[in-house]
Amino acid sequence: MHKSKLALNKASHLGQDFDEYLAEEGVLEETYALALKRVISMKIEGQMRLKKITKTEMARRMNTSRAALNRLLDASETSLTLTTLVSALRALELDIRVQITARG
């Protein structure tokens, strides 16, 4: 009896950690970028709610369009620039800390 392709595929990933699996599938960087963007978007939206700032007001404070703000808040849009991020943080009177660490 032959094993199905799915069963063989599952067996080939046994013992791998999730990062290894994502790398093997060729989606590690994309997955990390999406996760990071989701966190950033959620934090900015949360601060906007907390401070009762509408999207229109936020865009005005950032000196940008509502469409540009919507791209910033879209968790699936990973082409965020540092300039846009800094503009949003300044509009919310926030700072950011970045920590880069070794894996493992």
PDB file of N, CA and C in Angstrom:
ATOM      1  N   MET A   1       0.847  -1.172   0.000  1.00  0.00           N
ATOM      2  CA  MET A   1       0.000   0.000   0.000  1.00  0.00           C
ATOM      3  C   MET A   1       0.895   1.239   0.000  1.00  0.00           C
ATOM      4  N   HIS A   2       0.577   2.246  -0.842  1.00  0.00           N
ATOM      5  CA  HIS A   2       1.359   3.470  -0.952  1.00  0.00           C
ATOM      6  C   HIS A   2       0.810   4.539  -0.020  1.00  0.00           C
ATOM      7  N   LYS A   3       1.713   5.253   0.603  1.00  0.00           N
ATOM      8  CA  LYS A   3       1.291   6.374   1.438  1.00  0.00           C
ATOM      9  C   LYS A   3       0.858   7.523   0.536  1.00  0.00           C
ATOM     10  N   SER A   4      -0.104   8.271   0.992  1.00  0.00           N
ATOM     11  CA  SER A   4      -0.545   9.434   0.210  1.00  0.00           C
ATOM     12  C   SER A   4       0.541  10.509   0.250  1.00  0.00           C
ATOM     13  N   LYS A   5       0.481  11.429  -0.699  1.00  0.00           N
ATOM     14  CA  LYS A   5       1.444  12.525  -0.761  1.00  0.00           C
ATOM     15  C   LYS A   5       1.360  13.362   0.515  1.00  0.00           C
ATOM     16  N   LEU A   6       0.139  13.574   1.026  1.00  0.00           N
ATOM     17  CA  LEU A   6      -0.046  14.349   2.237  1.00  0.00           C
ATOM     18  C   LEU A   6       0.631  13.674   3.422  1.00  0.00           C
ATOM     19  N   ALA A   7       0.465  12.391   3.553  1.00  0.00           N
ATOM     20  CA  ALA A   7       1.084  11.667   4.663  1.00  0.00           C
ATOM     21  C   ALA A   7       2.600  11.740   4.567  1.00  0.00           C
ATOM     22  N   LEU A   8       3.144  11.626   3.371  1.00  0.00           N
ATOM     23  CA  LEU A   8       4.591  11.737   3.197  1.00  0.00           C
ATOM     24  C   LEU A   8       5.070  13.134   3.545  1.00  0.00           C
ATOM     25  N   ASN A   9       4.312  14.152   3.122  1.00  0.00           N
ATOM     26  CA  ASN A   9       4.677  15.531   3.400  1.00  0.00           C
ATOM     27  C   ASN A   9       4.672  15.788   4.905  1.00  0.00           C
ATOM     28  N   LYS A  10       3.657  15.309   5.611  1.00  0.00           N
ATOM     29  CA  LYS A  10       3.596  15.481   7.058  1.00  0.00           C
ATOM     30  C   LYS A  10       4.776  14.792   7.732  1.00  0.00           C
ATOM     31  N   ALA A  11       5.079  13.596   7.296  1.00  0.00           N
ATOM     32  CA  ALA A  11       6.164  12.835   7.907  1.00  0.00           C
ATOM     33  C   ALA A  11       7.506  13.532   7.707  1.00  0.00           C
ATOM     34  N   SER A  12       7.686  14.203   6.589  1.00  0.00           N
ATOM     35  CA  SER A  12       8.972  14.856   6.319  1.00  0.00           C
ATOM     36  C   SER A  12       9.201  16.057   7.225  1.00  0.00           C
ATOM     37  N   HIS A  13       8.163  16.570   7.886  1.00  0.00           N
ATOM     38  CA  HIS A  13       8.303  17.741   8.754  1.00  0.00           C
ATOM     39  C   HIS A  13       8.381  17.373  10.231  1.00  0.00           C
ATOM     40  N   LEU A  14       8.288  16.105  10.566  1.00  0.00           N
ATOM     41  CA  LEU A  14       8.353  15.698  11.962  1.00  0.00           C
ATOM     42  C   LEU A  14       9.690  16.093  12.567  1.00  0.00           C
ATOM     43  N   GLY A  15       9.634  16.682  13.752  1.00  0.00           N
ATOM     44  CA  GLY A  15      10.853  17.068  14.449  1.00  0.00           C
ATOM     45  C   GLY A  15      11.375  18.445  14.090  1.00  0.00           C
ATOM     46  N   GLN A  16      10.782  19.092  13.102  1.00  0.00           N
ATOM     47  CA  GLN A  16      11.219  20.435  12.723  1.00  0.00           C
ATOM     48  C   GLN A  16      10.579  21.461  13.640  1.00  0.00           C
ATOM     49  N   ASP A  17      11.293  22.580  13.862  1.00  0.00           N
ATOM     50  CA  ASP A  17      10.595  23.664  14.540  1.00  0.00           C
ATOM     51  C   ASP A  17       9.857  24.480  13.480  1.00  0.00           C
ATOM     52  N   PHE A  18       8.999  25.367  13.921  1.00  0.00           N
ATOM     53  CA  PHE A  18       8.122  26.079  13.005  1.00  0.00           C
ATOM     54  C   PHE A  18       8.902  26.966  12.033  1.00  0.00           C
ATOM     55  N   ASP A  19       9.962  27.630  12.509  1.00  0.00           N
ATOM     56  CA  ASP A  19      10.786  28.466  11.634  1.00  0.00           C
ATOM     57  C   ASP A  19      11.418  27.641  10.515  1.00  0.00           C
ATOM     58  N   GLU A  20      11.909  26.458  10.852  1.00  0.00           N
ATOM     59  CA  GLU A  20      12.502  25.582   9.827  1.00  0.00           C
ATOM     60  C   GLU A  20      11.466  25.206   8.785  1.00  0.00           C
ATOM     61  N   TYR A  21      10.257  24.892   9.246  1.00  0.00           N
ATOM     62  CA  TYR A  21       9.181  24.542   8.326  1.00  0.00           C
ATOM     63  C   TYR A  21       8.863  25.712   7.401  1.00  0.00           C
ATOM     64  N   LEU A  22       8.703  26.926   7.971  1.00  0.00           N
ATOM     65  CA  LEU A  22       8.390  28.098   7.149  1.00  0.00           C
ATOM     66  C   LEU A  22       9.507  28.390   6.156  1.00  0.00           C
ATOM     67  N   ALA A  23      10.752  28.237   6.588  1.00  0.00           N
ATOM     68  CA  ALA A  23      11.886  28.462   5.686  1.00  0.00           C
ATOM     69  C   ALA A  23      11.876  27.451   4.548  1.00  0.00           C
ATOM     70  N   GLU A  24      11.618  26.195   4.878  1.00  0.00           N
ATOM     71  CA  GLU A  24      11.574  25.156   3.854  1.00  0.00           C
ATOM     72  C   GLU A  24      10.463  25.422   2.841  1.00  0.00           C
ATOM     73  N   GLU A  25       9.346  25.977   3.321  1.00  0.00           N
ATOM     74  CA  GLU A  25       8.226  26.301   2.443  1.00  0.00           C
ATOM     75  C   GLU A  25       8.450  27.607   1.696  1.00  0.00           C
ATOM     76  N   GLY A  26       9.510  28.341   2.051  1.00  0.00           N
ATOM     77  CA  GLY A  26       9.848  29.588   1.365  1.00  0.00           C
ATOM     78  C   GLY A  26       9.012  30.782   1.792  1.00  0.00           C
ATOM     79  N   VAL A  27       8.444  30.739   3.010  1.00  0.00           N
ATOM     80  CA  VAL A  27       7.578  31.827   3.448  1.00  0.00           C
ATOM     81  C   VAL A  27       7.986  32.418   4.806  1.00  0.00           C
ATOM     82  N   LEU A  28       9.185  32.135   5.259  1.00  0.00           N
ATOM     83  CA  LEU A  28       9.614  32.597   6.579  1.00  0.00           C
ATOM     84  C   LEU A  28       9.627  34.120   6.671  1.00  0.00           C
ATOM     85  N   GLU A  29      10.292  34.792   5.751  1.00  0.00           N
ATOM     86  CA  GLU A  29      10.398  36.250   5.804  1.00  0.00           C
ATOM     87  C   GLU A  29       9.040  36.911   5.655  1.00  0.00           C
ATOM     88  N   GLU A  30       8.236  36.404   4.735  1.00  0.00           N
ATOM     89  CA  GLU A  30       6.893  36.962   4.534  1.00  0.00           C
ATOM     90  C   GLU A  30       6.043  36.804   5.793  1.00  0.00           C
ATOM     91  N   THR A  31       6.138  35.654   6.436  1.00  0.00           N
ATOM     92  CA  THR A  31       5.362  35.401   7.647  1.00  0.00           C
ATOM     93  C   THR A  31       5.792  36.324   8.771  1.00  0.00           C
ATOM     94  N   TYR A  32       7.094  36.510   8.944  1.00  0.00           N
ATOM     95  CA  TYR A  32       7.584  37.418   9.971  1.00  0.00           C
ATOM     96  C   TYR A  32       7.167  38.854   9.674  1.00  0.00           C
ATOM     97  N   ALA A  33       7.251  39.266   8.420  1.00  0.00           N
ATOM     98  CA  ALA A  33       6.857  40.625   8.046  1.00  0.00           C
ATOM     99  C   ALA A  33       5.378  40.860   8.331  1.00  0.00           C
ATOM    100  N   LEU A  34       4.539  39.889   7.995  1.00  0.00           N
ATOM    101  CA  LEU A  34       3.111  40.027   8.253  1.00  0.00           C
ATOM    102  C   LEU A  34       2.817  40.095   9.751  1.00  0.00           C
ATOM    103  N   ALA A  35       3.495  39.273  10.529  1.00  0.00           N
ATOM    104  CA  ALA A  35       3.284  39.278  11.976  1.00  0.00           C
ATOM    105  C   ALA A  35       3.717  40.616  12.581  1.00  0.00           C
ATOM    106  N   LEU A  36       4.855  41.120  12.148  1.00  0.00           N
ATOM    107  CA  LEU A  36       5.351  42.401  12.657  1.00  0.00           C
ATOM    108  C   LEU A  36       4.413  43.535  12.265  1.00  0.00           C
ATOM    109  N   LYS A  37       3.970  43.547  11.020  1.00  0.00           N
ATOM    110  CA  LYS A  37       3.057  44.599  10.559  1.00  0.00           C
ATOM    111  C   LYS A  37       1.739  44.525  11.310  1.00  0.00           C
ATOM    112  N   ARG A  38       1.261  43.316  11.586  1.00  0.00           N
ATOM    113  CA  ARG A  38       0.007  43.168  12.340  1.00  0.00           C
ATOM    114  C   ARG A  38       0.143  43.790  13.730  1.00  0.00           C
ATOM    115  N   VAL A  39       1.262  43.555  14.397  1.00  0.00           N
ATOM    116  CA  VAL A  39       1.489  44.126  15.726  1.00  0.00           C
ATOM    117  C   VAL A  39       1.529  45.650  15.647  1.00  0.00           C
ATOM    118  N   ILE A  40       2.260  46.188  14.689  1.00  0.00           N
ATOM    119  CA  ILE A  40       2.365  47.638  14.533  1.00  0.00           C
ATOM    120  C   ILE A  40       0.993  48.241  14.271  1.00  0.00           C
ATOM    121  N   SER A  41       0.247  47.665  13.353  1.00  0.00           N
ATOM    122  CA  SER A  41      -1.087  48.173  13.019  1.00  0.00           C
ATOM    123  C   SER A  41      -2.012  48.152  14.229  1.00  0.00           C
ATOM    124  N   MET A  42      -1.985  47.036  14.961  1.00  0.00           N
ATOM    125  CA  MET A  42      -2.844  46.912  16.139  1.00  0.00           C
ATOM    126  C   MET A  42      -2.483  47.936  17.210  1.00  0.00           C
ATOM    127  N   LYS A  43      -1.192  48.159  17.408  1.00  0.00           N
ATOM    128  CA  LYS A  43      -0.755  49.132  18.418  1.00  0.00           C
ATOM    129  C   LYS A  43      -1.187  50.543  18.039  1.00  0.00           C
ATOM    130  N   ILE A  44      -1.019  50.913  16.774  1.00  0.00           N
ATOM    131  CA  ILE A  44      -1.394  52.250  16.327  1.00  0.00           C
ATOM    132  C   ILE A  44      -2.911  52.435  16.432  1.00  0.00           C
ATOM    133  N   GLU A  45      -3.679  51.448  15.958  1.00  0.00           N
ATOM    134  CA  GLU A  45      -5.136  51.546  16.067  1.00  0.00           C
ATOM    135  C   GLU A  45      -5.585  51.617  17.528  1.00  0.00           C
ATOM    136  N   GLY A  46      -4.941  50.844  18.383  1.00  0.00           N
ATOM    137  CA  GLY A  46      -5.275  50.868  19.803  1.00  0.00           C
ATOM    138  C   GLY A  46      -5.035  52.233  20.427  1.00  0.00           C
ATOM    139  N   GLN A  47      -3.928  52.859  20.065  1.00  0.00           N
ATOM    140  CA  GLN A  47      -3.631  54.194  20.584  1.00  0.00           C
ATOM    141  C   GLN A  47      -4.599  55.235  20.022  1.00  0.00           C
ATOM    142  N   MET A  48      -4.980  55.068  18.763  1.00  0.00           N
ATOM    143  CA  MET A  48      -5.965  55.978  18.182  1.00  0.00           C
ATOM    144  C   MET A  48      -7.293  55.875  18.939  1.00  0.00           C
ATOM    145  N   ARG A  49      -7.725  54.655  19.249  1.00  0.00           N
ATOM    146  CA  ARG A  49      -8.970  54.464  20.010  1.00  0.00           C
ATOM    147  C   ARG A  49      -8.838  55.058  21.412  1.00  0.00           C
ATOM    148  N   LEU A  50      -7.716  54.747  22.067  1.00  0.00           N
ATOM    149  CA  LEU A  50      -7.483  55.227  23.430  1.00  0.00           C
ATOM    150  C   LEU A  50      -7.525  56.754  23.488  1.00  0.00           C
ATOM    151  N   LYS A  51      -6.943  57.395  22.495  1.00  0.00           N
ATOM    152  CA  LYS A  51      -6.871  58.861  22.465  1.00  0.00           C
ATOM    153  C   LYS A  51      -8.040  59.484  21.706  1.00  0.00           C
ATOM    154  N   LYS A  52      -8.979  58.621  21.263  1.00  0.00           N
ATOM    155  CA  LYS A  52     -10.176  59.068  20.549  1.00  0.00           C
ATOM    156  C   LYS A  52      -9.834  59.918  19.322  1.00  0.00           C
ATOM    157  N   ILE A  53      -8.892  59.407  18.538  1.00  0.00           N
ATOM    158  CA  ILE A  53      -8.471  60.089  17.313  1.00  0.00           C
ATOM    159  C   ILE A  53      -9.077  59.353  16.125  1.00  0.00           C
ATOM    160  N   THR A  54      -9.840  60.058  15.324  1.00  0.00           N
ATOM    161  CA  THR A  54     -10.450  59.471  14.134  1.00  0.00           C
ATOM    162  C   THR A  54      -9.400  59.290  13.042  1.00  0.00           C
ATOM    163  N   LYS A  55      -9.740  58.504  12.038  1.00  0.00           N
ATOM    164  CA  LYS A  55      -8.825  58.330  10.906  1.00  0.00           C
ATOM    165  C   LYS A  55      -8.594  59.654  10.185  1.00  0.00           C
ATOM    166  N   THR A  56      -9.634  60.445  10.051  1.00  0.00           N
ATOM    167  CA  THR A  56      -9.500  61.750   9.390  1.00  0.00           C
ATOM    168  C   THR A  56      -8.539  62.637  10.163  1.00  0.00           C
ATOM    169  N   GLU A  57      -8.681  62.681  11.479  1.00  0.00           N
ATOM    170  CA  GLU A  57      -7.798  63.496  12.310  1.00  0.00           C
ATOM    171  C   GLU A  57      -6.372  62.945  12.288  1.00  0.00           C
ATOM    172  N   MET A  58      -6.241  61.644  12.338  1.00  0.00           N
ATOM    173  CA  MET A  58      -4.912  61.033  12.304  1.00  0.00           C
ATOM    174  C   MET A  58      -4.204  61.362  10.996  1.00  0.00           C
ATOM    175  N   ALA A  59      -4.897  61.243   9.891  1.00  0.00           N
ATOM    176  CA  ALA A  59      -4.307  61.570   8.589  1.00  0.00           C
ATOM    177  C   ALA A  59      -3.889  63.039   8.557  1.00  0.00           C
ATOM    178  N   ARG A  60      -4.716  63.913   9.119  1.00  0.00           N
ATOM    179  CA  ARG A  60      -4.376  65.342   9.160  1.00  0.00           C
ATOM    180  C   ARG A  60      -3.105  65.565   9.982  1.00  0.00           C
ATOM    181  N   ARG A  61      -3.034  64.912  11.140  1.00  0.00           N
ATOM    182  CA  ARG A  61      -1.850  65.060  11.999  1.00  0.00           C
ATOM    183  C   ARG A  61      -0.590  64.532  11.322  1.00  0.00           C
ATOM    184  N   MET A  62      -0.754  63.505  10.507  1.00  0.00           N
ATOM    185  CA  MET A  62       0.390  62.916   9.801  1.00  0.00           C
ATOM    186  C   MET A  62       0.703  63.669   8.507  1.00  0.00           C
ATOM    187  N   ASN A  63      -0.166  64.602   8.147  1.00  0.00           N
ATOM    188  CA  ASN A  63      -0.016  65.345   6.893  1.00  0.00           C
ATOM    189  C   ASN A  63      -0.009  64.381   5.702  1.00  0.00           C
ATOM    190  N   THR A  64      -0.998  63.480   5.710  1.00  0.00           N
ATOM    191  CA  THR A  64      -1.100  62.475   4.661  1.00  0.00           C
ATOM    192  C   THR A  64      -2.572  62.260   4.313  1.00  0.00           C
ATOM    193  N   SER A  65      -2.828  61.361   3.392  1.00  0.00           N
ATOM    194  CA  SER A  65      -4.204  61.066   2.983  1.00  0.00           C
ATOM    195  C   SER A  65      -4.789  59.938   3.829  1.00  0.00           C
ATOM    196  N   ARG A  66      -6.120  59.832   3.803  1.00  0.00           N
ATOM    197  CA  ARG A  66      -6.790  58.711   4.469  1.00  0.00           C
ATOM    198  C   ARG A  66      -6.358  57.395   3.842  1.00  0.00           C
ATOM    199  N   ALA A  67      -6.157  57.401   2.512  1.00  0.00           N
ATOM    200  CA  ALA A  67      -5.730  56.172   1.825  1.00  0.00           C
ATOM    201  C   ALA A  67      -4.374  55.704   2.347  1.00  0.00           C
ATOM    202  N   ALA A  68      -3.448  56.648   2.548  1.00  0.00           N
ATOM    203  CA  ALA A  68      -2.126  56.289   3.073  1.00  0.00           C
ATOM    204  C   ALA A  68      -2.243  55.766   4.504  1.00  0.00           C
ATOM    205  N   LEU A  69      -3.110  56.384   5.299  1.00  0.00           N
ATOM    206  CA  LEU A  69      -3.333  55.914   6.664  1.00  0.00           C
ATOM    207  C   LEU A  69      -3.946  54.513   6.647  1.00  0.00           C
ATOM    208  N   ASN A  70      -4.890  54.278   5.758  1.00  0.00           N
ATOM    209  CA  ASN A  70      -5.503  52.953   5.656  1.00  0.00           C
ATOM    210  C   ASN A  70      -4.463  51.888   5.305  1.00  0.00           C
ATOM    211  N   ARG A  71      -3.491  52.224   4.458  1.00  0.00           N
ATOM    212  CA  ARG A  71      -2.412  51.272   4.135  1.00  0.00           C
ATOM    213  C   ARG A  71      -1.566  50.990   5.373  1.00  0.00           C
ATOM    214  N   LEU A  72      -1.312  52.026   6.168  1.00  0.00           N
ATOM    215  CA  LEU A  72      -0.562  51.850   7.410  1.00  0.00           C
ATOM    216  C   LEU A  72      -1.305  50.910   8.359  1.00  0.00           C
ATOM    217  N   LEU A  73      -2.610  51.057   8.428  1.00  0.00           N
ATOM    218  CA  LEU A  73      -3.409  50.261   9.355  1.00  0.00           C
ATOM    219  C   LEU A  73      -3.793  48.894   8.812  1.00  0.00           C
ATOM    220  N   ASP A  74      -3.542  48.649   7.544  1.00  0.00           N
ATOM    221  CA  ASP A  74      -3.849  47.356   6.922  1.00  0.00           C
ATOM    222  C   ASP A  74      -2.758  46.356   7.295  1.00  0.00           C
ATOM    223  N   ALA A  75      -3.113  45.389   8.131  1.00  0.00           N
ATOM    224  CA  ALA A  75      -2.134  44.415   8.633  1.00  0.00           C
ATOM    225  C   ALA A  75      -1.527  43.569   7.530  1.00  0.00           C
ATOM    226  N   SER A  76      -2.189  43.459   6.391  1.00  0.00           N
ATOM    227  CA  SER A  76      -1.668  42.615   5.310  1.00  0.00           C
ATOM    228  C   SER A  76      -0.766  43.384   4.347  1.00  0.00           C
ATOM    229  N   GLU A  77      -0.671  44.701   4.513  1.00  0.00           N
ATOM    230  CA  GLU A  77       0.163  45.541   3.643  1.00  0.00           C
ATOM    231  C   GLU A  77       1.512  45.747   4.329  1.00  0.00           C
ATOM    232  N   THR A  78       2.542  45.040   3.872  1.00  0.00           N
ATOM    233  CA  THR A  78       3.827  45.056   4.580  1.00  0.00           C
ATOM    234  C   THR A  78       4.813  46.105   4.071  1.00  0.00           C
ATOM    235  N   SER A  79       4.421  46.923   3.119  1.00  0.00           N
ATOM    236  CA  SER A  79       5.359  47.904   2.573  1.00  0.00           C
ATOM    237  C   SER A  79       5.342  49.203   3.381  1.00  0.00           C
ATOM    238  N   LEU A  80       5.529  49.083   4.669  1.00  0.00           N
ATOM    239  CA  LEU A  80       5.563  50.216   5.582  1.00  0.00           C
ATOM    240  C   LEU A  80       6.944  50.868   5.537  1.00  0.00           C
ATOM    241  N   THR A  81       6.968  52.197   5.399  1.00  0.00           N
ATOM    242  CA  THR A  81       8.257  52.892   5.449  1.00  0.00           C
ATOM    243  C   THR A  81       8.505  53.402   6.864  1.00  0.00           C
ATOM    244  N   LEU A  82       9.755  53.585   7.192  1.00  0.00           N
ATOM    245  CA  LEU A  82      10.096  54.134   8.506  1.00  0.00           C
ATOM    246  C   LEU A  82       9.569  55.555   8.639  1.00  0.00           C
ATOM    247  N   THR A  83       9.563  56.306   7.556  1.00  0.00           N
ATOM    248  CA  THR A  83       9.050  57.676   7.581  1.00  0.00           C
ATOM    249  C   THR A  83       7.569  57.690   7.965  1.00  0.00           C
ATOM    250  N   THR A  84       6.799  56.785   7.387  1.00  0.00           N
ATOM    251  CA  THR A  84       5.370  56.700   7.711  1.00  0.00           C
ATOM    252  C   THR A  84       5.177  56.281   9.157  1.00  0.00           C
ATOM    253  N   LEU A  85       5.944  55.314   9.601  1.00  0.00           N
ATOM    254  CA  LEU A  85       5.846  54.855  10.986  1.00  0.00           C
ATOM    255  C   LEU A  85       6.169  55.991  11.955  1.00  0.00           C
ATOM    256  N   VAL A  86       7.245  56.713  11.705  1.00  0.00           N
ATOM    257  CA  VAL A  86       7.638  57.823  12.572  1.00  0.00           C
ATOM    258  C   VAL A  86       6.568  58.915  12.560  1.00  0.00           C
ATOM    259  N   SER A  87       6.010  59.181  11.407  1.00  0.00           N
ATOM    260  CA  SER A  87       4.948  60.181  11.293  1.00  0.00           C
ATOM    261  C   SER A  87       3.743  59.792  12.146  1.00  0.00           C
ATOM    262  N   ALA A  88       3.351  58.533  12.093  1.00  0.00           N
ATOM    263  CA  ALA A  88       2.216  58.056  12.889  1.00  0.00           C
ATOM    264  C   ALA A  88       2.527  58.150  14.378  1.00  0.00           C
ATOM    265  N   LEU A  89       3.721  57.760  14.766  1.00  0.00           N
ATOM    266  CA  LEU A  89       4.098  57.805  16.175  1.00  0.00           C
ATOM    267  C   LEU A  89       4.136  59.240  16.701  1.00  0.00           C
ATOM    268  N   ARG A  90       4.649  60.151  15.887  1.00  0.00           N
ATOM    269  CA  ARG A  90       4.674  61.561  16.292  1.00  0.00           C
ATOM    270  C   ARG A  90       3.262  62.105  16.430  1.00  0.00           C
ATOM    271  N   ALA A  91       2.379  61.713  15.514  1.00  0.00           N
ATOM    272  CA  ALA A  91       0.984  62.163  15.567  1.00  0.00           C
ATOM    273  C   ALA A  91       0.303  61.678  16.840  1.00  0.00           C
ATOM    274  N   LEU A  92       0.736  60.532  17.350  1.00  0.00           N
ATOM    275  CA  LEU A  92       0.167  59.961  18.572  1.00  0.00           C
ATOM    276  C   LEU A  92       0.978  60.308  19.825  1.00  0.00           C
ATOM    277  N   GLU A  93       2.030  61.105  19.642  1.00  0.00           N
ATOM    278  CA  GLU A  93       2.935  61.487  20.718  1.00  0.00           C
ATOM    279  C   GLU A  93       3.531  60.259  21.400  1.00  0.00           C
ATOM    280  N   LEU A  94       4.026  59.339  20.556  1.00  0.00           N
ATOM    281  CA  LEU A  94       4.627  58.098  21.024  1.00  0.00           C
ATOM    282  C   LEU A  94       6.057  57.976  20.531  1.00  0.00           C
ATOM    283  N   ASP A  95       6.828  57.146  21.200  1.00  0.00           N
ATOM    284  CA  ASP A  95       8.174  56.779  20.768  1.00  0.00           C
ATOM    285  C   ASP A  95       8.177  55.287  20.458  1.00  0.00           C
ATOM    286  N   ILE A  96       9.231  54.839  19.811  1.00  0.00           N
ATOM    287  CA  ILE A  96       9.379  53.427  19.512  1.00  0.00           C
ATOM    288  C   ILE A  96      10.752  52.982  19.979  1.00  0.00           C
ATOM    289  N   ARG A  97      10.825  51.751  20.431  1.00  0.00           N
ATOM    290  CA  ARG A  97      12.105  51.131  20.780  1.00  0.00           C
ATOM    291  C   ARG A  97      12.253  49.901  19.915  1.00  0.00           C
ATOM    292  N   VAL A  98      13.415  49.754  19.338  1.00  0.00           N
ATOM    293  CA  VAL A  98      13.692  48.593  18.508  1.00  0.00           C
ATOM    294  C   VAL A  98      14.815  47.808  19.155  1.00  0.00           C
ATOM    295  N   GLN A  99      14.622  46.514  19.269  1.00  0.00           N
ATOM    296  CA  GLN A  99      15.650  45.661  19.831  1.00  0.00           C
ATOM    297  C   GLN A  99      15.925  44.547  18.830  1.00  0.00           C
ATOM    298  N   ILE A 100      17.168  44.438  18.434  1.00  0.00           N
ATOM    299  CA  ILE A 100      17.581  43.380  17.519  1.00  0.00           C
ATOM    300  C   ILE A 100      18.423  42.411  18.319  1.00  0.00           C
ATOM    301  N   THR A 101      18.022  41.145  18.306  1.00  0.00           N
ATOM    302  CA  THR A 101      18.710  40.147  19.115  1.00  0.00           C
ATOM    303  C   THR A 101      19.111  38.958  18.273  1.00  0.00           C
ATOM    304  N   ALA A 102      20.085  38.229  18.764  1.00  0.00           N
ATOM    305  CA  ALA A 102      20.503  36.995  18.091  1.00  0.00           C
ATOM    306  C   ALA A 102      19.446  35.928  18.291  1.00  0.00           C
ATOM    307  N   ARG A 103      19.245  35.111  17.265  1.00  0.00           N
ATOM    308  CA  ARG A 103      18.309  33.995  17.391  1.00  0.00           C
ATOM    309  C   ARG A 103      18.939  32.901  18.222  1.00  0.00           C
ATOM    310  N   GLY A 104      18.071  32.132  18.865  1.00  0.00           N
ATOM    311  CA  GLY A 104      18.567  30.959  19.576  1.00  0.00           C
ATOM    312  C   GLY A 104      18.559  31.093  20.987  1.00  0.00           C
TER     313      GLY A 104
END
